[in-house]
Amino acid sequence: MSTRLLFRLGVFATLADVITTFVALRIYVGLYEANPLAVAVIESFGLEGMLAIRLLVGVGVCWIAMRFLSGWRSRAALTFAAAFWTLVAVSNLYEIARVT
Protein backbone atom coordinates (compact mmCIF):
# COMPACT_ATOMS: atom_id res chain seq x y z
CA MET A 1 0.00 0.00 0.00
CA SER A 2 1.33 3.45 -0.82
CA THR A 3 2.45 5.91 1.83
CA ARG A 4 -0.01 8.53 0.60
CA LEU A 5 -2.94 6.15 0.86
CA LEU A 6 -1.90 5.12 4.38
CA PHE A 7 -1.59 8.80 5.32
CA ARG A 8 -5.14 9.43 4.07
CA LEU A 9 -6.43 6.41 5.98
CA GLY A 10 -4.72 7.66 9.13
CA VAL A 11 -6.23 11.13 8.77
CA PHE A 12 -9.68 9.65 8.02
CA ALA A 13 -9.45 7.40 11.09
CA THR A 14 -8.41 10.39 13.22
CA LEU A 15 -11.42 12.35 11.96
CA ALA A 16 -13.66 9.37 12.72
CA ASP A 17 -12.33 9.32 16.29
CA VAL A 18 -12.87 13.06 16.75
CA ILE A 19 -16.43 12.93 15.38
CA THR A 20 -17.46 9.85 17.38
CA THR A 21 -15.87 11.27 20.54
CA PHE A 22 -17.80 14.51 20.08
CA VAL A 23 -21.06 12.67 19.52
CA ALA A 24 -20.46 10.36 22.48
CA LEU A 25 -19.56 13.09 24.95
CA ARG A 26 -21.91 15.84 23.77
CA ILE A 27 -25.09 13.92 22.95
CA TYR A 28 -25.20 10.73 25.02
CA VAL A 29 -25.69 11.05 28.76
CA GLY A 30 -23.70 8.54 30.77
CA LEU A 31 -20.69 8.39 28.48
CA TYR A 32 -17.42 9.88 29.66
CA GLU A 33 -13.84 10.26 28.50
CA ALA A 34 -11.75 7.37 29.82
CA ASN A 35 -8.35 8.86 28.97
CA PRO A 36 -7.10 10.79 32.04
CA LEU A 37 -4.91 13.07 29.91
CA ALA A 38 -7.89 13.94 27.71
CA VAL A 39 -9.99 14.61 30.84
CA ALA A 40 -7.35 17.09 32.05
CA VAL A 41 -7.36 18.80 28.65
CA ILE A 42 -11.18 18.97 28.70
CA GLU A 43 -11.06 20.59 32.13
CA SER A 44 -8.57 23.18 30.85
CA PHE A 45 -9.76 23.83 27.28
CA GLY A 46 -13.24 22.32 27.05
CA LEU A 47 -14.44 19.49 24.83
CA GLU A 48 -13.80 21.40 21.61
CA GLY A 49 -10.24 22.19 22.70
CA MET A 50 -9.55 18.54 23.48
CA LEU A 51 -10.96 17.49 20.12
CA ALA A 52 -8.82 20.06 18.30
CA ILE A 53 -5.71 18.84 20.11
CA ARG A 54 -6.63 15.22 19.37
CA LEU A 55 -7.04 16.06 15.69
CA LEU A 56 -3.71 17.89 15.60
CA VAL A 57 -1.94 14.99 17.31
CA GLY A 58 -3.47 12.37 15.02
CA VAL A 59 -2.77 14.26 11.81
CA GLY A 60 0.64 15.35 13.14
CA VAL A 61 1.72 11.78 13.88
CA CYS A 62 0.69 10.73 10.37
CA TRP A 63 2.46 13.70 8.80
CA ILE A 64 5.67 13.06 10.75
CA ALA A 65 5.58 9.38 9.79
CA MET A 66 5.13 10.27 6.13
CA ARG A 67 7.62 13.15 6.07
CA PHE A 68 10.52 11.93 8.23
CA LEU A 69 10.43 8.15 7.95
CA SER A 70 11.14 6.28 4.76
CA GLY A 71 10.21 3.00 3.17
CA TRP A 72 8.82 0.27 5.36
CA ARG A 73 9.23 2.36 8.53
CA SER A 74 6.89 5.01 7.19
CA ARG A 75 4.35 2.45 6.03
CA ALA A 76 4.53 0.57 9.35
CA ALA A 77 4.04 3.75 11.41
CA LEU A 78 1.15 4.91 9.22
CA THR A 79 -0.48 1.48 9.33
CA PHE A 80 -0.22 1.46 13.12
CA ALA A 81 -1.63 5.00 13.38
CA ALA A 82 -4.55 4.19 11.07
CA ALA A 83 -5.28 0.96 12.94
CA PHE A 84 -5.07 2.67 16.34
CA TRP A 85 -7.40 5.54 15.47
CA THR A 86 -9.79 3.12 13.75
CA LEU A 87 -9.96 0.99 16.89
CA VAL A 88 -10.63 4.08 18.99
CA ALA A 89 -13.45 5.18 16.66
CA VAL A 90 -14.96 1.66 16.66
CA SER A 91 -14.76 1.61 20.46
CA ASN A 92 -16.60 4.95 20.55
CA LEU A 93 -19.29 3.57 18.25
CA TYR A 94 -19.63 0.50 20.46
CA GLU A 95 -20.13 2.68 23.55
CA ILE A 96 -22.69 4.83 21.75
CA ALA A 97 -24.59 1.72 20.62
CA ARG A 98 -24.44 0.30 24.13
CA VAL A 99 -26.28 3.27 25.68
CA THR A 100 -28.87 3.75 22.93
PDB file of N, CA and C in Angstrom:
ATOM      1  N   MET A   1       0.845  -1.172   0.000  1.00  0.00           N
ATOM      2  CA  MET A   1       0.000   0.000   0.000  1.00  0.00           C
ATOM      3  C   MET A   1       0.895   1.242   0.000  1.00  0.00           C
ATOM      4  N   SER A   2       0.486   2.263  -0.700  1.00  0.00           N
ATOM      5  CA  SER A   2       1.326   3.451  -0.816  1.00  0.00           C
ATOM      6  C   SER A   2       1.287   4.281   0.470  1.00  0.00           C
ATOM      7  N   THR A   3       2.346   5.037   0.659  1.00  0.00           N
ATOM      8  CA  THR A   3       2.449   5.907   1.833  1.00  0.00           C
ATOM      9  C   THR A   3       1.343   6.952   1.834  1.00  0.00           C
ATOM     10  N   ARG A   4       1.037   7.496   0.679  1.00  0.00           N
ATOM     11  CA  ARG A   4      -0.014   8.529   0.603  1.00  0.00           C
ATOM     12  C   ARG A   4      -1.385   7.974   0.967  1.00  0.00           C
ATOM     13  N   LEU A   5      -1.672   6.771   0.510  1.00  0.00           N
ATOM     14  CA  LEU A   5      -2.944   6.150   0.863  1.00  0.00           C
ATOM     15  C   LEU A   5      -3.011   5.873   2.358  1.00  0.00           C
ATOM     16  N   LEU A   6      -1.931   5.371   2.936  1.00  0.00           N
ATOM     17  CA  LEU A   6      -1.898   5.121   4.378  1.00  0.00           C
ATOM     18  C   LEU A   6      -2.043   6.419   5.162  1.00  0.00           C
ATOM     19  N   PHE A   7      -1.433   7.495   4.672  1.00  0.00           N
ATOM     20  CA  PHE A   7      -1.587   8.802   5.316  1.00  0.00           C
ATOM     21  C   PHE A   7      -3.059   9.212   5.315  1.00  0.00           C
ATOM     22  N   ARG A   8      -3.712   9.069   4.164  1.00  0.00           N
ATOM     23  CA  ARG A   8      -5.135   9.429   4.067  1.00  0.00           C
ATOM     24  C   ARG A   8      -5.995   8.574   4.992  1.00  0.00           C
ATOM     25  N   LEU A   9      -5.695   7.288   5.064  1.00  0.00           N
ATOM     26  CA  LEU A   9      -6.433   6.409   5.978  1.00  0.00           C
ATOM     27  C   LEU A   9      -6.233   6.830   7.427  1.00  0.00           C
ATOM     28  N   GLY A  10      -5.001   7.195   7.770  1.00  0.00           N
ATOM     29  CA  GLY A  10      -4.718   7.656   9.132  1.00  0.00           C
ATOM     30  C   GLY A  10      -5.472   8.931   9.469  1.00  0.00           C
ATOM     31  N   VAL A  11      -5.506   9.875   8.546  1.00  0.00           N
ATOM     32  CA  VAL A  11      -6.233  11.129   8.766  1.00  0.00           C
ATOM     33  C   VAL A  11      -7.735  10.851   8.851  1.00  0.00           C
ATOM     34  N   PHE A  12      -8.256  10.000   7.983  1.00  0.00           N
ATOM     35  CA  PHE A  12      -9.678   9.649   8.022  1.00  0.00           C
ATOM     36  C   PHE A  12     -10.034   8.993   9.350  1.00  0.00           C
ATOM     37  N   ALA A  13      -9.197   8.080   9.813  1.00  0.00           N
ATOM     38  CA  ALA A  13      -9.452   7.402  11.090  1.00  0.00           C
ATOM     39  C   ALA A  13      -9.404   8.394  12.250  1.00  0.00           C
ATOM     40  N   THR A  14      -8.482   9.359  12.188  1.00  0.00           N
ATOM     41  CA  THR A  14      -8.413  10.393  13.222  1.00  0.00           C
ATOM     42  C   THR A  14      -9.690  11.221  13.232  1.00  0.00           C
ATOM     43  N   LEU A  15     -10.163  11.605  12.055  1.00  0.00           N
ATOM     44  CA  LEU A  15     -11.421  12.354  11.962  1.00  0.00           C
ATOM     45  C   LEU A  15     -12.589  11.532  12.505  1.00  0.00           C
ATOM     46  N   ALA A  16     -12.601  10.243  12.209  1.00  0.00           N
ATOM     47  CA  ALA A  16     -13.663   9.371  12.721  1.00  0.00           C
ATOM     48  C   ALA A  16     -13.636   9.342  14.242  1.00  0.00           C
ATOM     49  N   ASP A  17     -12.449   9.295  14.825  1.00  0.00           N
ATOM     50  CA  ASP A  17     -12.328   9.317  16.287  1.00  0.00           C
ATOM     51  C   ASP A  17     -12.842  10.638  16.847  1.00  0.00           C
ATOM     52  N   VAL A  18     -12.444  11.747  16.247  1.00  0.00           N
ATOM     53  CA  VAL A  18     -12.868  13.058  16.746  1.00  0.00           C
ATOM     54  C   VAL A  18     -14.387  13.196  16.660  1.00  0.00           C
ATOM     55  N   ILE A  19     -14.971  12.797  15.553  1.00  0.00           N
ATOM     56  CA  ILE A  19     -16.426  12.925  15.376  1.00  0.00           C
ATOM     57  C   ILE A  19     -17.170  12.017  16.348  1.00  0.00           C
ATOM     58  N   THR A  20     -16.751  10.761  16.470  1.00  0.00           N
ATOM     59  CA  THR A  20     -17.460   9.847  17.377  1.00  0.00           C
ATOM     60  C   THR A  20     -17.253  10.243  18.841  1.00  0.00           C
ATOM     61  N   THR A  21     -16.088  10.790  19.175  1.00  0.00           N
ATOM     62  CA  THR A  21     -15.874  11.274  20.542  1.00  0.00           C
ATOM     63  C   THR A  21     -16.798  12.445  20.835  1.00  0.00           C
ATOM     64  N   PHE A  22     -16.904  13.370  19.898  1.00  0.00           N
ATOM     65  CA  PHE A  22     -17.797  14.514  20.085  1.00  0.00           C
ATOM     66  C   PHE A  22     -19.234  14.056  20.281  1.00  0.00           C
ATOM     67  N   VAL A  23     -19.690  13.166  19.412  1.00  0.00           N
ATOM     68  CA  VAL A  23     -21.064  12.666  19.516  1.00  0.00           C
ATOM     69  C   VAL A  23     -21.269  11.950  20.857  1.00  0.00           C
ATOM     70  N   ALA A  24     -20.318  11.125  21.240  1.00  0.00           N
ATOM     71  CA  ALA A  24     -20.459  10.361  22.479  1.00  0.00           C
ATOM     72  C   ALA A  24     -20.508  11.268  23.706  1.00  0.00           C
ATOM     73  N   LEU A  25     -19.647  12.258  23.746  1.00  0.00           N
ATOM     74  CA  LEU A  25     -19.560  13.093  24.945  1.00  0.00           C
ATOM     75  C   LEU A  25     -20.575  14.232  24.960  1.00  0.00           C
ATOM     76  N   ARG A  26     -20.997  14.703  23.821  1.00  0.00           N
ATOM     77  CA  ARG A  26     -21.905  15.839  23.771  1.00  0.00           C
ATOM     78  C   ARG A  26     -23.375  15.411  23.769  1.00  0.00           C
ATOM     79  N   ILE A  27     -23.689  14.287  23.154  1.00  0.00           N
ATOM     80  CA  ILE A  27     -25.091  13.919  22.954  1.00  0.00           C
ATOM     81  C   ILE A  27     -25.562  12.865  23.954  1.00  0.00           C
ATOM     82  N   TYR A  28     -24.736  11.868  24.228  1.00  0.00           N
ATOM     83  CA  TYR A  28     -25.200  10.731  25.015  1.00  0.00           C
ATOM     84  C   TYR A  28     -24.834  10.883  26.482  1.00  0.00           C
ATOM     85  N   VAL A  29     -25.877  10.940  27.322  1.00  0.00           N
ATOM     86  CA  VAL A  29     -25.687  11.051  28.761  1.00  0.00           C
ATOM     87  C   VAL A  29     -25.172   9.709  29.279  1.00  0.00           C
ATOM     88  N   GLY A  30     -24.232   9.763  30.187  1.00  0.00           N
ATOM     89  CA  GLY A  30     -23.700   8.538  30.773  1.00  0.00           C
ATOM     90  C   GLY A  30     -22.379   8.108  30.180  1.00  0.00           C
ATOM     91  N   LEU A  31     -21.989   8.703  29.058  1.00  0.00           N
ATOM     92  CA  LEU A  31     -20.688   8.386  28.482  1.00  0.00           C
ATOM     93  C   LEU A  31     -19.677   9.422  28.956  1.00  0.00           C
ATOM     94  N   TYR A  32     -18.468   8.991  29.148  1.00  0.00           N
ATOM     95  CA  TYR A  32     -17.422   9.878  29.661  1.00  0.00           C
ATOM     96  C   TYR A  32     -16.099   9.540  28.983  1.00  0.00           C
ATOM     97  N   GLU A  33     -15.173  10.458  29.051  1.00  0.00           N
ATOM     98  CA  GLU A  33     -13.837  10.259  28.495  1.00  0.00           C
ATOM     99  C   GLU A  33     -13.038   9.399  29.470  1.00  0.00           C
ATOM    100  N   ALA A  34     -12.490   8.301  28.972  1.00  0.00           N
ATOM    101  CA  ALA A  34     -11.747   7.369  29.822  1.00  0.00           C
ATOM    102  C   ALA A  34     -10.264   7.709  29.916  1.00  0.00           C
ATOM    103  N   ASN A  35      -9.762   8.511  28.989  1.00  0.00           N
ATOM    104  CA  ASN A  35      -8.348   8.861  28.972  1.00  0.00           C
ATOM    105  C   ASN A  35      -8.099   9.995  29.969  1.00  0.00           C
ATOM    106  N   PRO A  36      -7.305   9.750  31.030  1.00  0.00           N
ATOM    107  CA  PRO A  36      -7.096  10.786  32.039  1.00  0.00           C
ATOM    108  C   PRO A  36      -6.420  12.054  31.489  1.00  0.00           C
ATOM    109  N   LEU A  37      -5.545  11.896  30.517  1.00  0.00           N
ATOM    110  CA  LEU A  37      -4.913  13.075  29.909  1.00  0.00           C
ATOM    111  C   LEU A  37      -5.956  13.907  29.159  1.00  0.00           C
ATOM    112  N   ALA A  38      -6.831  13.230  28.437  1.00  0.00           N
ATOM    113  CA  ALA A  38      -7.890  13.941  27.712  1.00  0.00           C
ATOM    114  C   ALA A  38      -8.846  14.626  28.692  1.00  0.00           C
ATOM    115  N   VAL A  39      -9.123  13.989  29.828  1.00  0.00           N
ATOM    116  CA  VAL A  39      -9.987  14.607  30.841  1.00  0.00           C
ATOM    117  C   VAL A  39      -9.353  15.906  31.343  1.00  0.00           C
ATOM    118  N   ALA A  40      -8.047  15.881  31.596  1.00  0.00           N
ATOM    119  CA  ALA A  40      -7.346  17.087  32.054  1.00  0.00           C
ATOM    120  C   ALA A  40      -7.412  18.190  30.994  1.00  0.00           C
ATOM    121  N   VAL A  41      -7.279  17.805  29.734  1.00  0.00           N
ATOM    122  CA  VAL A  41      -7.358  18.796  28.653  1.00  0.00           C
ATOM    123  C   VAL A  41      -8.776  19.351  28.555  1.00  0.00           C
ATOM    124  N   ILE A  42      -9.781  18.503  28.720  1.00  0.00           N
ATOM    125  CA  ILE A  42     -11.176  18.969  28.698  1.00  0.00           C
ATOM    126  C   ILE A  42     -11.408  19.970  29.818  1.00  0.00           C
ATOM    127  N   GLU A  43     -10.881  19.678  31.001  1.00  0.00           N
ATOM    128  CA  GLU A  43     -11.058  20.590  32.129  1.00  0.00           C
ATOM    129  C   GLU A  43     -10.391  21.939  31.870  1.00  0.00           C
ATOM    130  N   SER A  44      -9.295  21.939  31.131  1.00  0.00           N
ATOM    131  CA  SER A  44      -8.574  23.183  30.854  1.00  0.00           C
ATOM    132  C   SER A  44      -9.106  23.927  29.634  1.00  0.00           C
ATOM    133  N   PHE A  45      -9.431  23.198  28.559  1.00  0.00           N
ATOM    134  CA  PHE A  45      -9.762  23.832  27.280  1.00  0.00           C
ATOM    135  C   PHE A  45     -11.169  23.523  26.786  1.00  0.00           C
ATOM    136  N   GLY A  46     -11.918  22.707  27.494  1.00  0.00           N
ATOM    137  CA  GLY A  46     -13.241  22.323  27.049  1.00  0.00           C
ATOM    138  C   GLY A  46     -13.190  21.168  26.056  1.00  0.00           C
ATOM    139  N   LEU A  47     -14.352  20.629  25.742  1.00  0.00           N
ATOM    140  CA  LEU A  47     -14.439  19.492  24.827  1.00  0.00           C
ATOM    141  C   LEU A  47     -13.893  19.849  23.444  1.00  0.00           C
ATOM    142  N   GLU A  48     -14.257  21.009  22.943  1.00  0.00           N
ATOM    143  CA  GLU A  48     -13.798  21.400  21.612  1.00  0.00           C
ATOM    144  C   GLU A  48     -12.284  21.542  21.570  1.00  0.00           C
ATOM    145  N   GLY A  49     -11.687  22.077  22.631  1.00  0.00           N
ATOM    146  CA  GLY A  49     -10.236  22.190  22.703  1.00  0.00           C
ATOM    147  C   GLY A  49      -9.557  20.835  22.702  1.00  0.00           C
ATOM    148  N   MET A  50     -10.118  19.892  23.456  1.00  0.00           N
ATOM    149  CA  MET A  50      -9.553  18.540  23.477  1.00  0.00           C
ATOM    150  C   MET A  50      -9.664  17.889  22.107  1.00  0.00           C
ATOM    151  N   LEU A  51     -10.784  18.080  21.439  1.00  0.00           N
ATOM    152  CA  LEU A  51     -10.961  17.487  20.118  1.00  0.00           C
ATOM    153  C   LEU A  51      -9.997  18.107  19.103  1.00  0.00           C
ATOM    154  N   ALA A  52      -9.775  19.407  19.199  1.00  0.00           N
ATOM    155  CA  ALA A  52      -8.818  20.063  18.301  1.00  0.00           C
ATOM    156  C   ALA A  52      -7.407  19.527  18.539  1.00  0.00           C
ATOM    157  N   ILE A  53      -7.034  19.375  19.796  1.00  0.00           N
ATOM    158  CA  ILE A  53      -5.712  18.836  20.114  1.00  0.00           C
ATOM    159  C   ILE A  53      -5.598  17.402  19.628  1.00  0.00           C
ATOM    160  N   ARG A  54      -6.645  16.608  19.824  1.00  0.00           N
ATOM    161  CA  ARG A  54      -6.633  15.215  19.368  1.00  0.00           C
ATOM    162  C   ARG A  54      -6.477  15.141  17.852  1.00  0.00           C
ATOM    163  N   LEU A  55      -7.162  16.019  17.147  1.00  0.00           N
ATOM    164  CA  LEU A  55      -7.044  16.059  15.689  1.00  0.00           C
ATOM    165  C   LEU A  55      -5.624  16.448  15.273  1.00  0.00           C
ATOM    166  N   LEU A  56      -5.076  17.465  15.916  1.00  0.00           N
ATOM    167  CA  LEU A  56      -3.710  17.888  15.603  1.00  0.00           C
ATOM    168  C   LEU A  56      -2.697  16.789  15.881  1.00  0.00           C
ATOM    169  N   VAL A  57      -2.870  16.082  16.983  1.00  0.00           N
ATOM    170  CA  VAL A  57      -1.944  14.995  17.312  1.00  0.00           C
ATOM    171  C   VAL A  57      -2.060  13.868  16.286  1.00  0.00           C
ATOM    172  N   GLY A  58      -3.282  13.464  15.972  1.00  0.00           N
ATOM    173  CA  GLY A  58      -3.472  12.373  15.019  1.00  0.00           C
ATOM    174  C   GLY A  58      -2.921  12.693  13.645  1.00  0.00           C
ATOM    175  N   VAL A  59      -3.263  13.865  13.130  1.00  0.00           N
ATOM    176  CA  VAL A  59      -2.766  14.262  11.813  1.00  0.00           C
ATOM    177  C   VAL A  59      -1.260  14.511  11.872  1.00  0.00           C
ATOM    178  N   GLY A  60      -0.794  15.089  12.984  1.00  0.00           N
ATOM    179  CA  GLY A  60       0.636  15.345  13.144  1.00  0.00           C
ATOM    180  C   GLY A  60       1.466  14.079  13.151  1.00  0.00           C
ATOM    181  N   VAL A  61       0.997  13.061  13.855  1.00  0.00           N
ATOM    182  CA  VAL A  61       1.719  11.778  13.876  1.00  0.00           C
ATOM    183  C   VAL A  61       1.792  11.198  12.468  1.00  0.00           C
ATOM    184  N   CYS A  62       0.692  11.251  11.746  1.00  0.00           N
ATOM    185  CA  CYS A  62       0.686  10.727  10.373  1.00  0.00           C
ATOM    186  C   CYS A  62       1.618  11.535   9.474  1.00  0.00           C
ATOM    187  N   TRP A  63       1.599  12.853   9.622  1.00  0.00           N
ATOM    188  CA  TRP A  63       2.459  13.704   8.796  1.00  0.00           C
ATOM    189  C   TRP A  63       3.931  13.438   9.096  1.00  0.00           C
ATOM    190  N   ILE A  64       4.283  13.336  10.377  1.00  0.00           N
ATOM    191  CA  ILE A  64       5.669  13.058  10.753  1.00  0.00           C
ATOM    192  C   ILE A  64       6.115  11.710  10.201  1.00  0.00           C
ATOM    193  N   ALA A  65       5.236  10.711  10.309  1.00  0.00           N
ATOM    194  CA  ALA A  65       5.582   9.377   9.788  1.00  0.00           C
ATOM    195  C   ALA A  65       5.804   9.423   8.280  1.00  0.00           C
ATOM    196  N   MET A  66       4.992  10.198   7.576  1.00  0.00           N
ATOM    197  CA  MET A  66       5.134  10.271   6.129  1.00  0.00           C
ATOM    198  C   MET A  66       6.344  11.120   5.725  1.00  0.00           C
ATOM    199  N   ARG A  67       6.590  12.184   6.454  1.00  0.00           N
ATOM    200  CA  ARG A  67       7.624  13.147   6.072  1.00  0.00           C
ATOM    201  C   ARG A  67       9.039  12.709   6.475  1.00  0.00           C
ATOM    202  N   PHE A  68       9.184  12.152   7.679  1.00  0.00           N
ATOM    203  CA  PHE A  68      10.519  11.928   8.225  1.00  0.00           C
ATOM    204  C   PHE A  68      10.961  10.467   8.271  1.00  0.00           C
ATOM    205  N   LEU A  69      10.046   9.552   8.028  1.00  0.00           N
ATOM    206  CA  LEU A  69      10.430   8.146   7.946  1.00  0.00           C
ATOM    207  C   LEU A  69      10.405   7.743   6.480  1.00  0.00           C
ATOM    208  N   SER A  70      11.124   6.705   6.158  1.00  0.00           N
ATOM    209  CA  SER A  70      11.141   6.284   4.762  1.00  0.00           C
ATOM    210  C   SER A  70      10.879   4.789   4.653  1.00  0.00           C
ATOM    211  N   GLY A  71      10.406   4.402   3.483  1.00  0.00           N
ATOM    212  CA  GLY A  71      10.214   2.995   3.173  1.00  0.00           C
ATOM    213  C   GLY A  71       9.260   2.288   4.108  1.00  0.00           C
ATOM    214  N   TRP A  72       9.690   1.112   4.530  1.00  0.00           N
ATOM    215  CA  TRP A  72       8.825   0.268   5.358  1.00  0.00           C
ATOM    216  C   TRP A  72       8.547   0.900   6.716  1.00  0.00           C
ATOM    217  N   ARG A  73       9.458   1.720   7.230  1.00  0.00           N
ATOM    218  CA  ARG A  73       9.229   2.360   8.529  1.00  0.00           C
ATOM    219  C   ARG A  73       8.049   3.329   8.458  1.00  0.00           C
ATOM    220  N   SER A  74       7.997   4.086   7.389  1.00  0.00           N
ATOM    221  CA  SER A  74       6.887   5.011   7.195  1.00  0.00           C
ATOM    222  C   SER A  74       5.573   4.261   7.056  1.00  0.00           C
ATOM    223  N   ARG A  75       5.570   3.237   6.222  1.00  0.00           N
ATOM    224  CA  ARG A  75       4.345   2.447   6.027  1.00  0.00           C
ATOM    225  C   ARG A  75       3.916   1.758   7.319  1.00  0.00           C
ATOM    226  N   ALA A  76       4.869   1.243   8.089  1.00  0.00           N
ATOM    227  CA  ALA A  76       4.530   0.575   9.351  1.00  0.00           C
ATOM    228  C   ALA A  76       3.934   1.566  10.350  1.00  0.00           C
ATOM    229  N   ALA A  77       4.546   2.744  10.478  1.00  0.00           N
ATOM    230  CA  ALA A  77       4.038   3.747  11.409  1.00  0.00           C
ATOM    231  C   ALA A  77       2.655   4.235  10.997  1.00  0.00           C
ATOM    232  N   LEU A  78       2.453   4.461   9.702  1.00  0.00           N
ATOM    233  CA  LEU A  78       1.149   4.913   9.224  1.00  0.00           C
ATOM    234  C   LEU A  78       0.083   3.832   9.375  1.00  0.00           C
ATOM    235  N   THR A  79       0.466   2.588   9.143  1.00  0.00           N
ATOM    236  CA  THR A  79      -0.480   1.476   9.332  1.00  0.00           C
ATOM    237  C   THR A  79      -0.885   1.382  10.793  1.00  0.00           C
ATOM    238  N   PHE A  80       0.088   1.501  11.693  1.00  0.00           N
ATOM    239  CA  PHE A  80      -0.216   1.461  13.125  1.00  0.00           C
ATOM    240  C   PHE A  80      -1.130   2.618  13.514  1.00  0.00           C
ATOM    241  N   ALA A  81      -0.812   3.826  13.045  1.00  0.00           N
ATOM    242  CA  ALA A  81      -1.629   4.995  13.385  1.00  0.00           C
ATOM    243  C   ALA A  81      -3.059   4.825  12.875  1.00  0.00           C
ATOM    244  N   ALA A  82      -3.209   4.389  11.634  1.00  0.00           N
ATOM    245  CA  ALA A  82      -4.551   4.193  11.073  1.00  0.00           C
ATOM    246  C   ALA A  82      -5.310   3.120  11.846  1.00  0.00           C
ATOM    247  N   ALA A  83      -4.633   2.028  12.184  1.00  0.00           N
ATOM    248  CA  ALA A  83      -5.284   0.955  12.938  1.00  0.00           C
ATOM    249  C   ALA A  83      -5.678   1.437  14.333  1.00  0.00           C
ATOM    250  N   PHE A  84      -4.789   2.169  14.990  1.00  0.00           N
ATOM    251  CA  PHE A  84      -5.068   2.665  16.337  1.00  0.00           C
ATOM    252  C   PHE A  84      -6.282   3.582  16.351  1.00  0.00           C
ATOM    253  N   TRP A  85      -6.290   4.598  15.483  1.00  0.00           N
ATOM    254  CA  TRP A  85      -7.402   5.538  15.470  1.00  0.00           C
ATOM    255  C   TRP A  85      -8.702   4.872  15.028  1.00  0.00           C
ATOM    256  N   THR A  86      -8.604   3.871  14.143  1.00  0.00           N
ATOM    257  CA  THR A  86      -9.790   3.119  13.748  1.00  0.00           C
ATOM    258  C   THR A  86     -10.364   2.355  14.935  1.00  0.00           C
ATOM    259  N   LEU A  87      -9.500   1.711  15.703  1.00  0.00           N
ATOM    260  CA  LEU A  87      -9.965   0.988  16.893  1.00  0.00           C
ATOM    261  C   LEU A  87     -10.610   1.933  17.906  1.00  0.00           C
ATOM    262  N   VAL A  88     -10.041   3.109  18.074  1.00  0.00           N
ATOM    263  CA  VAL A  88     -10.631   4.083  18.994  1.00  0.00           C
ATOM    264  C   VAL A  88     -12.015   4.509  18.506  1.00  0.00           C
ATOM    265  N   ALA A  89     -12.151   4.782  17.215  1.00  0.00           N
ATOM    266  CA  ALA A  89     -13.447   5.178  16.662  1.00  0.00           C
ATOM    267  C   ALA A  89     -14.471   4.049  16.784  1.00  0.00           C
ATOM    268  N   VAL A  90     -14.052   2.815  16.525  1.00  0.00           N
ATOM    269  CA  VAL A  90     -14.960   1.663  16.663  1.00  0.00           C
ATOM    270  C   VAL A  90     -15.368   1.492  18.118  1.00  0.00           C
ATOM    271  N   SER A  91     -14.434   1.687  19.031  1.00  0.00           N
ATOM    272  CA  SER A  91     -14.762   1.613  20.459  1.00  0.00           C
ATOM    273  C   SER A  91     -15.783   2.684  20.831  1.00  0.00           C
ATOM    274  N   ASN A  92     -15.614   3.890  20.304  1.00  0.00           N
ATOM    275  CA  ASN A  92     -16.597   4.951  20.552  1.00  0.00           C
ATOM    276  C   ASN A  92     -17.969   4.560  20.027  1.00  0.00           C
ATOM    277  N   LEU A  93     -18.011   4.000  18.823  1.00  0.00           N
ATOM    278  CA  LEU A  93     -19.295   3.571  18.252  1.00  0.00           C
ATOM    279  C   LEU A  93     -19.938   2.478  19.097  1.00  0.00           C
ATOM    280  N   TYR A  94     -19.119   1.574  19.598  1.00  0.00           N
ATOM    281  CA  TYR A  94     -19.633   0.502  20.457  1.00  0.00           C
ATOM    282  C   TYR A  94     -20.269   1.105  21.721  1.00  0.00           C
ATOM    283  N   GLU A  95     -19.591   2.054  22.335  1.00  0.00           N
ATOM    284  CA  GLU A  95     -20.134   2.684  23.549  1.00  0.00           C
ATOM    285  C   GLU A  95     -21.413   3.449  23.265  1.00  0.00           C
ATOM    286  N   ILE A  96     -21.467   4.128  22.125  1.00  0.00           N
ATOM    287  CA  ILE A  96     -22.690   4.831  21.748  1.00  0.00           C
ATOM    288  C   ILE A  96     -23.823   3.837  21.551  1.00  0.00           C
ATOM    289  N   ALA A  97     -23.563   2.735  20.855  1.00  0.00           N
ATOM    290  CA  ALA A  97     -24.591   1.717  20.617  1.00  0.00           C
ATOM    291  C   ALA A  97     -25.045   1.075  21.922  1.00  0.00           C
ATOM    292  N   ARG A  98     -24.131   0.944  22.849  1.00  0.00           N
ATOM    293  CA  ARG A  98     -24.443   0.298  24.130  1.00  0.00           C
ATOM    294  C   ARG A  98     -25.452   1.111  24.944  1.00  0.00           C
ATOM    295  N   VAL A  99     -25.395   2.442  24.860  1.00  0.00           N
ATOM    296  CA  VAL A  99     -26.282   3.265  25.677  1.00  0.00           C
ATOM    297  C   VAL A  99     -27.555   3.685  24.943  1.00  0.00           C
ATOM    298  N   THR A 100     -27.659   3.351  23.660  1.00  0.00           N
ATOM    299  CA  THR A 100     -28.875   3.749  22.932  1.00  0.00           C
ATOM    300  C   THR A 100     -29.895   2.635  22.941  1.00  0.00           C
TER     301      THR A 100
END
